N, C-alpha and C. Protein backbone atom coordinates (compact mmCIF):
# COMPACT_ATOMS: atom_id res chain seq x y z
N MET A 1 36.16 -9.27 32.14
CA MET A 1 35.67 -9.23 33.42
C MET A 1 35.80 -7.97 33.87
N VAL A 2 34.49 -7.46 34.37
CA VAL A 2 34.36 -6.03 34.77
C VAL A 2 33.82 -5.97 36.04
N GLY A 3 33.86 -4.68 36.87
CA GLY A 3 33.43 -4.74 38.10
C GLY A 3 32.63 -3.99 38.41
N THR A 4 31.61 -3.55 37.54
CA THR A 4 30.45 -2.67 37.38
C THR A 4 29.06 -3.78 36.95
N LYS A 5 28.58 -3.88 37.61
CA LYS A 5 27.23 -4.98 37.32
C LYS A 5 26.51 -4.07 36.38
N ASP A 6 26.04 -2.97 36.31
CA ASP A 6 25.17 -1.88 35.65
C ASP A 6 25.64 -1.91 34.38
N TRP A 7 26.68 -2.39 33.90
CA TRP A 7 27.11 -2.88 32.21
C TRP A 7 26.77 -3.94 31.84
N LEU A 8 25.69 -5.00 32.18
CA LEU A 8 25.86 -6.23 32.02
C LEU A 8 24.48 -6.38 31.89
N PHE A 9 23.78 -7.02 30.86
CA PHE A 9 22.43 -7.10 30.74
C PHE A 9 22.29 -8.77 30.09
N ASN A 10 21.21 -9.31 30.14
CA ASN A 10 21.24 -10.91 30.47
C ASN A 10 21.90 -11.13 31.55
N PHE A 11 21.78 -10.88 32.69
CA PHE A 11 22.86 -10.97 33.87
C PHE A 11 22.03 -12.49 34.45
N ASP A 12 23.10 -13.38 34.55
CA ASP A 12 23.02 -14.50 35.21
C ASP A 12 23.42 -14.60 36.91
N ASP A 13 22.63 -13.74 37.86
CA ASP A 13 22.96 -14.03 39.27
C ASP A 13 23.48 -15.10 40.14
N GLY A 14 22.81 -16.48 39.43
CA GLY A 14 23.03 -17.09 40.30
C GLY A 14 24.94 -18.22 39.79
N PHE A 15 25.55 -17.77 38.53
CA PHE A 15 26.65 -18.13 38.34
C PHE A 15 27.52 -17.31 39.52
N ARG A 16 28.60 -18.62 39.96
CA ARG A 16 29.45 -18.38 40.73
C ARG A 16 30.58 -19.20 40.60
N GLU A 17 32.04 -18.57 40.50
CA GLU A 17 33.31 -19.16 39.76
C GLU A 17 34.21 -18.12 40.95
N SER A 18 35.72 -18.40 40.54
CA SER A 18 36.90 -17.43 41.07
C SER A 18 37.80 -17.66 40.05
N VAL A 19 38.44 -16.43 40.18
CA VAL A 19 39.40 -16.12 38.77
C VAL A 19 40.64 -16.06 39.69
N LYS A 20 41.56 -16.27 39.12
CA LYS A 20 43.17 -16.07 39.86
C LYS A 20 43.70 -14.94 38.69
N LEU A 21 44.17 -13.53 39.63
CA LEU A 21 44.53 -12.58 38.93
C LEU A 21 46.19 -12.59 38.94
N GLY A 22 46.75 -11.95 38.21
CA GLY A 22 48.04 -11.41 37.55
C GLY A 22 48.87 -11.82 38.92
N ASN A 23 48.52 -10.83 39.79
CA ASN A 23 49.22 -10.96 41.38
C ASN A 23 49.07 -12.00 42.18
N ASP A 24 48.70 -13.26 41.83
CA ASP A 24 48.32 -14.50 42.54
C ASP A 24 47.05 -14.60 43.56
N SER A 25 46.27 -13.31 43.24
CA SER A 25 45.23 -13.11 44.31
C SER A 25 44.22 -13.73 43.59
N LYS A 26 43.32 -14.27 44.23
CA LYS A 26 41.96 -14.86 43.72
C LYS A 26 40.78 -13.97 44.02
N MET A 27 39.91 -13.57 43.19
CA MET A 27 38.52 -12.81 43.66
C MET A 27 37.32 -13.62 43.05
N ALA A 28 36.50 -13.56 43.61
CA ALA A 28 35.03 -14.11 43.53
C ALA A 28 34.16 -13.79 42.41
N VAL A 29 33.60 -14.58 41.54
CA VAL A 29 32.77 -14.03 40.25
C VAL A 29 31.20 -14.13 40.84
N MET A 30 30.90 -13.27 40.80
CA MET A 30 29.30 -12.89 41.48
C MET A 30 28.09 -12.95 40.37
N GLY A 31 28.53 -13.73 39.09
CA GLY A 31 27.59 -13.42 37.95
C GLY A 31 27.94 -13.25 36.92
N LYS A 32 27.02 -13.57 35.70
CA LYS A 32 27.95 -13.35 34.27
C LYS A 32 26.89 -12.58 33.71
N GLY A 33 27.38 -11.85 32.28
CA GLY A 33 26.40 -11.38 31.72
C GLY A 33 26.81 -10.75 30.42
N ASN A 34 26.03 -10.15 29.63
CA ASN A 34 26.30 -9.70 28.15
C ASN A 34 26.93 -8.35 28.46
N PHE A 35 28.19 -7.99 27.39
CA PHE A 35 28.59 -6.55 27.41
C PHE A 35 28.29 -6.05 26.26
N LYS A 36 28.16 -4.44 26.37
CA LYS A 36 27.80 -4.06 24.83
C LYS A 36 29.05 -2.84 24.96
N LEU A 37 29.91 -2.66 23.79
CA LEU A 37 30.63 -1.92 23.76
C LEU A 37 30.63 -0.85 22.56
N SER A 38 31.44 0.54 21.98
CA SER A 38 30.98 0.82 20.97
C SER A 38 32.69 1.45 20.47
N ILE A 39 33.10 0.60 19.53
CA ILE A 39 34.63 0.70 19.26
C ILE A 39 34.67 1.08 18.16
N GLY A 40 35.22 2.50 17.72
CA GLY A 40 34.90 3.41 16.23
C GLY A 40 33.82 3.54 15.90
N GLY A 41 32.58 3.85 16.45
CA GLY A 41 31.36 3.78 15.81
C GLY A 41 30.45 2.69 15.57
N ARG A 42 31.29 1.54 15.87
CA ARG A 42 30.39 0.28 15.93
C ARG A 42 30.19 -0.32 17.31
N THR A 43 28.97 -1.05 17.06
CA THR A 43 28.99 -1.89 18.66
C THR A 43 29.21 -3.32 18.49
N HIS A 44 29.68 -3.50 19.68
CA HIS A 44 30.09 -4.94 19.79
C HIS A 44 29.39 -5.82 20.74
N VAL A 45 29.18 -6.83 21.23
CA VAL A 45 28.72 -7.39 22.34
C VAL A 45 29.51 -8.90 22.17
N ILE A 46 29.98 -8.47 23.85
CA ILE A 46 30.83 -9.69 24.32
C ILE A 46 29.96 -10.45 25.36
N THR A 47 29.78 -11.70 24.77
CA THR A 47 28.86 -12.66 25.68
C THR A 47 29.99 -12.92 26.94
N ASP A 48 28.99 -13.88 28.03
CA ASP A 48 29.68 -14.54 29.19
C ASP A 48 30.77 -13.27 29.81
N VAL A 49 30.56 -12.30 30.35
CA VAL A 49 31.31 -11.59 30.83
C VAL A 49 31.75 -11.62 32.32
N TYR A 50 32.19 -12.01 33.34
CA TYR A 50 32.55 -12.26 34.68
C TYR A 50 32.09 -11.08 35.34
N TYR A 51 31.17 -11.16 36.29
CA TYR A 51 31.23 -9.72 36.98
C TYR A 51 32.47 -9.78 38.41
N LEU A 52 33.07 -9.04 38.37
CA LEU A 52 33.51 -9.54 40.02
C LEU A 52 33.72 -7.97 40.75
N PRO A 53 33.19 -8.30 41.81
CA PRO A 53 32.94 -6.58 42.39
C PRO A 53 33.99 -6.24 43.09
N GLY A 54 34.29 -4.85 43.14
CA GLY A 54 35.84 -4.28 43.43
C GLY A 54 37.16 -4.65 42.33
N LEU A 55 36.81 -5.19 41.02
CA LEU A 55 37.67 -5.14 40.30
C LEU A 55 37.75 -4.07 39.70
N GLY A 56 39.51 -3.41 39.81
CA GLY A 56 39.63 -2.30 39.60
C GLY A 56 39.74 -1.96 38.18
N ASN A 57 39.97 -2.31 37.23
CA ASN A 57 40.55 -2.30 35.63
C ASN A 57 39.65 -3.75 35.21
N ASN A 58 38.80 -3.28 34.05
CA ASN A 58 38.32 -4.30 32.97
C ASN A 58 39.31 -5.06 32.46
N LEU A 59 38.93 -6.20 32.35
CA LEU A 59 40.08 -6.77 31.76
C LEU A 59 39.65 -7.93 30.74
N LEU A 60 40.17 -7.94 29.25
CA LEU A 60 39.61 -9.06 28.37
C LEU A 60 40.41 -10.23 28.07
N SER A 61 39.99 -11.43 27.96
CA SER A 61 40.87 -12.60 27.87
C SER A 61 41.51 -12.74 26.51
N VAL A 62 42.53 -12.92 26.13
CA VAL A 62 42.94 -13.08 24.71
C VAL A 62 42.48 -14.35 24.39
N GLY A 63 42.67 -15.23 25.45
CA GLY A 63 42.12 -17.09 25.23
C GLY A 63 40.80 -17.23 24.73
N GLN A 64 40.07 -16.59 25.56
CA GLN A 64 38.55 -16.09 25.15
C GLN A 64 38.24 -15.93 23.92
N LEU A 65 38.73 -14.64 23.65
CA LEU A 65 38.18 -13.92 22.32
C LEU A 65 38.74 -15.07 20.75
N GLN A 66 39.95 -15.99 21.47
CA GLN A 66 40.32 -16.64 20.22
C GLN A 66 39.22 -18.15 20.20
N GLN A 67 38.90 -18.29 21.05
CA GLN A 67 37.94 -19.41 21.16
C GLN A 67 36.61 -19.47 20.83
N ARG A 68 36.47 -17.95 20.75
CA ARG A 68 34.85 -17.34 19.57
C ARG A 68 35.19 -16.95 18.17
N GLY A 69 36.54 -17.56 17.67
CA GLY A 69 36.52 -17.25 16.33
C GLY A 69 37.21 -15.88 16.19
N LEU A 70 38.02 -15.35 17.01
CA LEU A 70 38.56 -13.65 16.52
C LEU A 70 40.23 -14.03 16.29
N THR A 71 40.52 -13.42 15.69
CA THR A 71 41.97 -13.50 15.39
C THR A 71 43.01 -12.14 16.22
N ILE A 72 44.04 -12.34 16.92
CA ILE A 72 44.59 -11.57 17.55
C ILE A 72 45.92 -11.74 16.94
N VAL A 73 46.45 -10.45 16.36
CA VAL A 73 47.72 -10.60 15.91
C VAL A 73 48.61 -9.28 16.78
N PHE A 74 50.03 -9.65 17.39
CA PHE A 74 50.75 -9.27 18.20
C PHE A 74 51.88 -9.08 17.37
N LYS A 75 52.36 -7.53 16.68
CA LYS A 75 53.51 -7.41 15.85
C LYS A 75 53.92 -5.79 16.24
N ASN A 76 55.18 -5.66 15.94
CA ASN A 76 55.81 -4.42 16.34
C ASN A 76 54.94 -3.60 17.54
N ASN A 77 54.51 -4.24 18.65
CA ASN A 77 54.26 -3.47 19.79
C ASN A 77 52.87 -2.91 19.59
N VAL A 78 52.07 -3.84 18.66
CA VAL A 78 50.79 -3.33 18.44
C VAL A 78 49.81 -4.49 18.13
N CYS A 79 48.91 -4.20 18.65
CA CYS A 79 47.83 -5.32 18.86
C CYS A 79 46.38 -5.12 17.85
N GLN A 80 46.18 -6.05 17.33
CA GLN A 80 45.06 -6.12 16.06
C GLN A 80 43.84 -7.22 16.45
N LEU A 81 42.75 -6.74 16.60
CA LEU A 81 41.70 -7.87 16.63
C LEU A 81 40.69 -7.73 15.45
N PHE A 82 40.64 -9.06 14.81
CA PHE A 82 39.97 -9.21 13.64
C PHE A 82 38.77 -9.98 13.76
N HIS A 83 37.89 -10.00 13.43
CA HIS A 83 36.28 -11.02 13.38
C HIS A 83 36.37 -11.03 11.52
N GLU A 84 36.15 -12.44 11.56
CA GLU A 84 36.13 -13.02 10.58
C GLU A 84 34.87 -12.21 9.35
N GLU A 85 33.70 -12.07 9.84
CA GLU A 85 33.05 -11.22 8.93
C GLU A 85 32.72 -9.94 9.07
N LYS A 86 33.49 -9.26 10.17
CA LYS A 86 33.36 -7.70 10.51
C LYS A 86 34.79 -7.02 10.09
N GLY A 87 35.73 -7.94 9.48
CA GLY A 87 37.09 -7.67 9.36
C GLY A 87 37.81 -7.12 10.97
N LEU A 88 39.00 -5.81 10.43
CA LEU A 88 39.70 -5.12 11.56
C LEU A 88 38.49 -4.57 12.74
N ILE A 89 38.67 -5.10 13.76
CA ILE A 89 37.67 -4.34 15.09
C ILE A 89 38.55 -3.20 15.56
N LEU A 90 39.71 -3.49 15.63
CA LEU A 90 40.27 -2.30 16.43
C LEU A 90 42.00 -2.64 16.34
N THR A 91 42.80 -1.41 16.56
CA THR A 91 44.45 -1.98 16.71
C THR A 91 44.40 -0.63 17.89
N THR A 92 45.66 -1.18 18.84
CA THR A 92 45.71 -0.41 19.58
C THR A 92 47.47 -0.91 20.20
N ASP A 93 47.79 0.16 20.72
CA ASP A 93 49.69 0.32 20.84
C ASP A 93 49.76 -0.52 22.46
N MET A 94 51.04 -1.02 22.57
CA MET A 94 51.24 -1.54 23.64
C MET A 94 51.54 -0.15 24.58
N THR A 95 51.26 -0.17 25.63
CA THR A 95 51.73 1.20 26.90
C THR A 95 53.22 0.35 27.41
N VAL A 96 53.83 1.49 28.20
CA VAL A 96 55.27 1.17 28.69
C VAL A 96 54.86 0.02 29.74
N ASN A 97 53.96 -0.43 30.28
CA ASN A 97 54.05 -1.95 31.35
C ASN A 97 53.51 -2.85 30.84
N ARG A 98 53.94 -2.47 29.22
CA ARG A 98 53.34 -3.90 28.31
C ARG A 98 52.20 -4.34 28.59
N MET A 99 50.96 -3.30 28.64
CA MET A 99 49.83 -3.52 28.48
C MET A 99 49.10 -3.10 27.07
N TYR A 100 47.96 -3.66 26.55
CA TYR A 100 47.44 -3.00 25.44
C TYR A 100 46.01 -2.89 26.27
N ILE A 101 45.68 -1.37 25.93
CA ILE A 101 44.29 -0.57 26.56
C ILE A 101 43.40 -0.38 25.30
N ILE A 102 42.11 -0.80 25.40
CA ILE A 102 41.37 -0.49 24.61
C ILE A 102 40.32 0.38 24.68
N HIS A 103 40.29 1.68 23.92
CA HIS A 103 39.59 2.85 24.16
C HIS A 103 38.27 2.10 23.53
N ALA A 104 37.58 2.14 24.27
CA ALA A 104 35.95 1.99 24.31
C ALA A 104 34.79 2.76 25.04
N SER A 105 33.62 2.78 24.19
CA SER A 105 32.57 3.43 25.19
C SER A 105 31.44 2.30 25.45
N VAL A 106 31.21 2.17 26.93
CA VAL A 106 30.39 0.98 27.39
C VAL A 106 28.90 1.64 27.09
N ILE A 107 28.39 1.06 26.29
CA ILE A 107 26.66 1.06 26.54
C ILE A 107 26.15 0.30 27.31
N ILE A 108 25.25 1.19 28.35
CA ILE A 108 24.66 0.81 29.55
C ILE A 108 23.45 0.64 29.37
N PRO A 109 22.93 -0.78 29.36
CA PRO A 109 21.08 -0.95 29.23
C PRO A 109 20.68 -0.15 30.20
N LYS A 110 20.06 0.98 29.84
CA LYS A 110 19.53 1.82 30.26
C LYS A 110 17.47 1.86 29.92
N CYS A 111 16.92 0.62 29.27
CA CYS A 111 15.37 0.81 29.17
C CYS A 111 15.19 -0.83 30.11
N LEU A 112 15.66 -1.07 30.37
CA LEU A 112 15.12 -2.91 30.99
C LEU A 112 14.55 -2.46 32.33
N GLN A 113 14.12 -1.42 33.16
CA GLN A 113 13.20 -1.02 33.89
C GLN A 113 11.92 -0.58 33.23
N VAL A 114 12.44 0.39 32.43
CA VAL A 114 11.02 0.66 31.76
C VAL A 114 10.36 -0.30 31.47
N THR A 115 10.90 -1.09 30.67
CA THR A 115 10.27 -2.54 30.12
C THR A 115 9.38 -3.16 30.87
N LYS A 116 10.10 -3.41 32.39
CA LYS A 116 9.30 -4.22 33.50
C LYS A 116 8.06 -3.04 34.03
N ILE A 117 8.33 -2.15 33.98
CA ILE A 117 7.11 -1.19 34.12
C ILE A 117 5.53 -1.47 33.33
N GLU A 118 6.48 -1.15 32.25
CA GLU A 118 5.21 -1.54 31.07
C GLU A 118 4.68 -2.39 30.97
N GLU A 119 5.16 -3.75 31.35
CA GLU A 119 5.05 -5.12 31.53
C GLU A 119 3.80 -5.05 32.61
N THR A 120 4.22 -4.36 33.80
CA THR A 120 3.53 -4.42 35.00
C THR A 120 2.11 -4.07 34.14
N ASN A 121 1.90 -3.00 33.82
CA ASN A 121 1.02 -2.05 33.10
C ASN A 121 0.33 -2.72 32.49
N LEU A 122 0.84 -3.50 31.46
CA LEU A 122 0.16 -4.20 30.41
C LEU A 122 -0.86 -5.48 31.17
N TRP A 123 -0.02 -6.13 32.03
CA TRP A 123 -1.22 -7.35 32.80
C TRP A 123 -1.93 -6.40 33.59
N HIS A 124 -1.76 -5.43 34.12
CA HIS A 124 -2.84 -4.63 35.26
C HIS A 124 -4.03 -4.14 34.03
N ASN A 125 -3.69 -4.14 33.16
CA ASN A 125 -4.84 -3.66 31.95
C ASN A 125 -5.21 -4.88 31.47
N ARG A 126 -5.00 -5.99 31.02
CA ARG A 126 -5.50 -7.30 30.81
C ARG A 126 -5.93 -7.82 31.53
N TYR A 127 -5.94 -7.87 32.74
CA TYR A 127 -7.06 -8.22 34.15
C TYR A 127 -7.72 -7.54 34.77
N ALA A 128 -8.50 -6.44 33.81
CA ALA A 128 -9.41 -5.90 34.42
C ALA A 128 -9.04 -4.65 35.26
N HIS A 129 -7.67 -4.08 35.54
CA HIS A 129 -7.19 -3.21 36.43
C HIS A 129 -6.60 -3.80 37.77
N LEU A 130 -6.85 -5.01 37.49
CA LEU A 130 -6.48 -5.88 38.89
C LEU A 130 -5.24 -5.10 39.74
N ARG A 131 -5.38 -5.15 40.92
CA ARG A 131 -3.98 -3.99 41.39
C ARG A 131 -3.05 -5.39 41.41
N ILE A 132 -1.68 -4.49 41.71
CA ILE A 132 -0.34 -5.22 41.72
C ILE A 132 -0.43 -6.39 42.60
N LYS A 133 -0.71 -6.29 43.66
CA LYS A 133 -0.87 -7.71 45.09
C LYS A 133 -1.76 -8.69 44.29
N GLY A 134 -2.65 -8.75 43.52
CA GLY A 134 -3.49 -9.36 43.19
C GLY A 134 -3.08 -10.27 42.07
N LEU A 135 -1.94 -9.41 40.99
CA LEU A 135 -1.54 -10.25 40.15
C LEU A 135 -0.03 -11.21 40.83
N LYS A 136 0.41 -10.47 41.56
CA LYS A 136 1.19 -11.32 42.36
C LYS A 136 0.86 -12.75 42.79
N VAL A 137 -0.42 -12.50 43.31
CA VAL A 137 -0.84 -13.91 44.15
C VAL A 137 -1.38 -14.58 42.59
N LEU A 138 -1.68 -14.48 41.84
CA LEU A 138 -2.02 -15.23 40.72
C LEU A 138 -0.40 -15.81 40.01
N ASN A 139 0.54 -14.97 39.76
CA ASN A 139 1.96 -15.42 39.43
C ASN A 139 2.49 -16.54 40.50
N ARG A 140 2.26 -16.36 42.15
CA ARG A 140 3.02 -17.21 43.21
C ARG A 140 2.12 -18.30 42.94
N LYS A 141 0.91 -18.39 42.77
CA LYS A 141 0.48 -19.64 42.44
C LYS A 141 -0.07 -20.29 41.24
N HIS A 142 0.85 -19.73 40.45
CA HIS A 142 0.94 -20.30 38.78
C HIS A 142 -0.68 -20.53 38.59
N MET A 143 -1.27 -19.55 38.84
CA MET A 143 -3.01 -19.33 37.97
C MET A 143 -2.75 -19.47 36.64
N VAL A 144 -1.82 -18.50 36.05
CA VAL A 144 -1.92 -17.86 35.12
C VAL A 144 -0.72 -18.19 33.91
N LYS A 145 -0.80 -19.08 33.02
CA LYS A 145 0.37 -19.47 32.39
C LYS A 145 0.91 -18.38 31.42
N GLY A 146 2.19 -17.63 31.82
CA GLY A 146 2.72 -16.78 30.92
C GLY A 146 2.77 -15.48 31.94
N LEU A 147 2.44 -15.66 32.77
CA LEU A 147 2.43 -14.33 33.92
C LEU A 147 3.64 -14.20 34.59
N PRO A 148 4.54 -13.44 33.93
CA PRO A 148 6.10 -12.87 34.50
C PRO A 148 6.01 -12.63 36.00
N GLU A 149 6.83 -12.64 36.52
CA GLU A 149 7.20 -11.59 38.04
C GLU A 149 6.92 -10.08 37.68
N LEU A 150 6.25 -9.37 38.45
CA LEU A 150 5.94 -8.21 38.39
C LEU A 150 6.40 -7.17 39.02
N LYS A 151 6.90 -6.06 39.20
CA LYS A 151 7.48 -5.53 39.84
C LYS A 151 6.35 -3.95 39.92
N GLU A 152 6.40 -3.69 41.66
CA GLU A 152 5.54 -2.45 41.78
C GLU A 152 6.17 -1.13 40.88
N THR A 153 4.89 -0.49 40.73
CA THR A 153 5.36 0.74 39.92
C THR A 153 5.03 2.00 41.08
N GLU A 154 5.67 2.72 40.75
CA GLU A 154 5.39 4.29 41.42
C GLU A 154 3.91 5.17 40.38
N ASP A 155 3.83 4.63 39.05
CA ASP A 155 3.18 4.98 38.42
C ASP A 155 1.36 4.68 38.85
N LYS A 156 0.61 5.94 38.83
CA LYS A 156 -0.73 5.38 39.53
C LYS A 156 -1.61 5.48 37.81
N CYS A 157 -2.47 4.59 37.80
CA CYS A 157 -3.51 4.36 36.77
C CYS A 157 -4.23 5.34 36.79
N THR A 158 -4.44 5.97 35.84
CA THR A 158 -5.59 7.26 35.90
C THR A 158 -6.87 6.50 35.72
N ASP A 159 -6.77 5.44 34.89
CA ASP A 159 -8.34 4.86 34.95
C ASP A 159 -9.00 4.61 36.09
N CYS A 160 -7.90 3.80 37.17
CA CYS A 160 -8.19 3.59 38.37
C CYS A 160 -8.88 4.37 39.26
N LEU A 161 -7.72 5.31 38.95
CA LEU A 161 -8.09 6.83 40.42
C LEU A 161 -9.61 7.73 39.64
N SER A 162 -9.70 7.49 38.40
CA SER A 162 -10.99 8.02 37.98
C SER A 162 -11.94 7.19 38.04
N GLY A 163 -11.63 5.99 38.26
CA GLY A 163 -13.01 5.25 38.62
C GLY A 163 -13.49 5.09 40.28
N LYS A 164 -12.72 5.12 41.09
CA LYS A 164 -13.02 5.13 42.26
C LYS A 164 -13.16 6.50 42.66
N GLN A 165 -13.01 7.48 42.05
CA GLN A 165 -13.16 8.92 42.65
C GLN A 165 -14.48 9.35 42.68
N HIS A 166 -15.60 8.88 42.13
CA HIS A 166 -16.81 9.59 42.43
C HIS A 166 -17.76 8.64 43.28
N ARG A 167 -17.13 7.36 43.38
CA ARG A 167 -18.05 6.14 44.19
C ARG A 167 -18.65 6.53 45.71
N GLU A 168 -19.82 6.54 45.44
CA GLU A 168 -20.17 6.39 46.57
C GLU A 168 -20.18 5.37 47.74
N SER A 169 -20.38 5.64 48.98
CA SER A 169 -20.28 4.27 50.00
C SER A 169 -21.33 3.67 49.70
N VAL A 170 -21.20 2.46 50.29
CA VAL A 170 -22.49 1.87 50.21
C VAL A 170 -23.37 1.57 51.69
N PRO A 171 -24.33 1.75 51.61
CA PRO A 171 -25.29 2.01 52.82
C PRO A 171 -25.32 0.68 53.32
N LYS A 172 -25.11 0.85 54.76
CA LYS A 172 -24.96 -0.61 55.90
C LYS A 172 -26.60 -0.89 55.97
N GLN A 173 -27.10 -0.10 55.39
CA GLN A 173 -28.83 -0.80 56.02
C GLN A 173 -29.81 -0.09 54.06
N ALA A 174 -30.74 -1.06 53.58
CA ALA A 174 -31.16 -0.66 52.31
C ALA A 174 -32.47 0.36 52.82
N ASN A 175 -32.57 1.27 51.99
CA ASN A 175 -33.47 2.35 52.46
C ASN A 175 -35.06 2.04 51.81
N TRP A 176 -35.41 0.67 51.16
CA TRP A 176 -36.73 0.07 51.05
C TRP A 176 -36.27 -1.44 50.98
N ARG A 177 -37.25 -1.89 51.44
CA ARG A 177 -37.28 -3.66 51.71
C ARG A 177 -38.40 -4.16 51.29
N ALA A 178 -38.30 -5.34 50.87
CA ALA A 178 -40.05 -5.87 50.40
C ALA A 178 -39.64 -6.96 51.57
N TYR A 179 -41.17 -7.00 51.95
CA TYR A 179 -41.22 -8.13 52.90
C TYR A 179 -42.10 -9.32 52.25
N GLN A 180 -42.62 -8.86 51.42
CA GLN A 180 -43.85 -10.36 50.69
C GLN A 180 -43.20 -10.33 48.95
N LYS A 181 -43.53 -11.02 48.51
CA LYS A 181 -42.85 -11.72 47.04
C LYS A 181 -44.06 -10.30 46.10
N LEU A 182 -43.16 -9.87 45.51
CA LEU A 182 -43.44 -9.32 43.98
C LEU A 182 -43.84 -7.97 44.90
N GLU A 183 -43.58 -7.37 46.01
CA GLU A 183 -43.71 -6.37 47.00
C GLU A 183 -42.85 -5.12 46.06
N PHE A 184 -41.65 -5.72 45.62
CA PHE A 184 -40.95 -4.53 45.54
C PHE A 184 -40.06 -5.19 44.22
N ILE A 185 -40.65 -4.18 43.03
CA ILE A 185 -39.80 -4.95 41.63
C ILE A 185 -38.95 -3.78 41.03
N HIS A 186 -37.81 -4.54 40.58
CA HIS A 186 -37.05 -3.24 39.94
C HIS A 186 -37.12 -3.77 38.36
N SER A 187 -37.39 -2.76 37.56
CA SER A 187 -37.65 -3.35 35.84
C SER A 187 -37.12 -2.18 35.11
N ASP A 188 -36.56 -2.07 34.26
CA ASP A 188 -36.41 -1.44 32.80
C ASP A 188 -37.62 -1.03 32.26
N ILE A 189 -38.25 0.05 32.03
CA ILE A 189 -39.83 0.49 31.36
C ILE A 189 -38.74 0.92 30.07
N CYS A 190 -39.71 0.48 28.48
CA CYS A 190 -39.10 1.39 27.52
C CYS A 190 -40.54 1.09 26.62
N GLY A 191 -40.73 1.81 26.12
CA GLY A 191 -41.50 1.16 24.59
C GLY A 191 -42.26 2.57 23.72
N PRO A 192 -43.12 2.27 22.73
CA PRO A 192 -43.40 0.88 22.48
C PRO A 192 -42.27 0.35 21.35
N ILE A 193 -41.76 -1.01 21.39
CA ILE A 193 -41.06 -1.38 20.92
C ILE A 193 -41.53 -1.81 19.33
N ASN A 194 -40.80 -1.50 18.54
CA ASN A 194 -40.97 -2.07 16.72
C ASN A 194 -39.52 -2.74 16.64
N PRO A 195 -39.97 -3.80 15.65
CA PRO A 195 -41.16 -4.70 16.03
C PRO A 195 -41.19 -5.51 17.28
N LYS A 196 -42.52 -5.86 17.02
CA LYS A 196 -42.78 -6.30 18.45
C LYS A 196 -42.02 -7.92 18.40
N SER A 197 -41.79 -8.40 19.61
CA SER A 197 -41.49 -9.53 19.73
C SER A 197 -41.85 -10.65 20.01
N ASN A 198 -41.69 -11.81 19.80
CA ASN A 198 -42.47 -13.04 20.02
C ASN A 198 -42.69 -13.54 21.50
């Protein structure tokens, strides 16, 4: 259980539960996700970690670790955690208040927002530089299979900016107008063309 939502990835914000703490108080679980830790230079992922807003200390359940196949050995005021493939993961001493503190670094998922922006730019380019509002309409009306939920970006598309930069306004009324058939003809003239067409 953690009290910081930013530490979790693959977050399910629809998950709800309540947890009873050691002091008989209850706290609401406001989602769950996965959590990356670096212990002794090795990265470990803990899945289905509960998010409890306002939780002061992060807690790790011994029972849940055992359910996932880890072996926990408590002996001579020392706790050792073993993984069947990785071997010994950590060793920690018992504190004065009979707690075992794990010294680890949290690996915060930083690149998720960048991926969302890159995905938005990718779909913008795929659809001939269609504006984001237009892409959102396509998504909302389920007009394109596989089109994900896109986020507005602060980035301006340089191709769109340069394409619109030199455009002149369309005149309200034409300068030349034909009143009879074939009075006004547009054509591309070039020649002579070799070989001659049939």
